[in-house]
Amino acid sequence: MRALCLFLLTLPLYGITIIDKPIIFDEERIALTKEYIADHYGLYPQNISITPRILVIHWTSINDFDRSYQRFFSSTLPSDRPDIKKASSLNVSAHFMIDRDGTIYRLMNETAMARHVIGLNYSAIGIENVGGKASKENLTPQQFKANLELIRYLMKRHPTLEYLIGHYEYTRFENHALWLEKQTSYRTLKHDPGPGFMQRLRTHIHELKAAP
């Protein structure tokens, strides 16, 4: 396993501290991402850069940071994900992960495509929260505060952002111009991060639209 680069990135302009803790993003992952874009979106870009239009809030369904992080670390899917492996062997990932204590980690370049939301990956930044299980909301007050800080930071960095959605809302974009998924049978049922969490976020974030 390659050595990890881990360091603090403090951004006083935005009043936020982010810890860079990169997952593997090697040639294999880039090639698999391009293959995913071609197979699912019918596009053949030279690179995997995205223009962020949507922020998608997730939970990991695991109440432990290290275990959650390891799920995203490798370039290819683990063997226990047959539900989505038939669609691609590209591993799931997200741009950011927020630990139970509110610590914010950046896992990858926020303008590179991650596999985290069906149909919308090509325009979406993913924020994972450690925790959650099935339909039970258990994210912490510290995570809520960190989500608000990170969302505001990303809005300033990426003025192209228009939408803020929970993962469970992604299918509302079907028939929207940003929806690209070509395989009509490729859908999964999601609950994260729960309507209560999203409602509370939206009471503070008015500039971004909800799902259509």
Foldseek 3Di string as FASTA:
>chain_A
DDDWDWDWDDDVVLRDIEIETAADDDPLLFVQLQVLCCQFFVDRDPGQFAQAAEEEEFEQQAQDDVVSCVCQRDQFHDPPPPLCVVSGRGGADAQWEAHLQQHIYGHDDQRGFGPDAAQQSRHYHYYYYYHDHDQDADRHPSNLVSVLSVVVVVCVVRVNYAAYEYRQCRVLCVVPPNGRGPDPVDDDHDNPPHPVSVVVSCVPDPRHHYRD
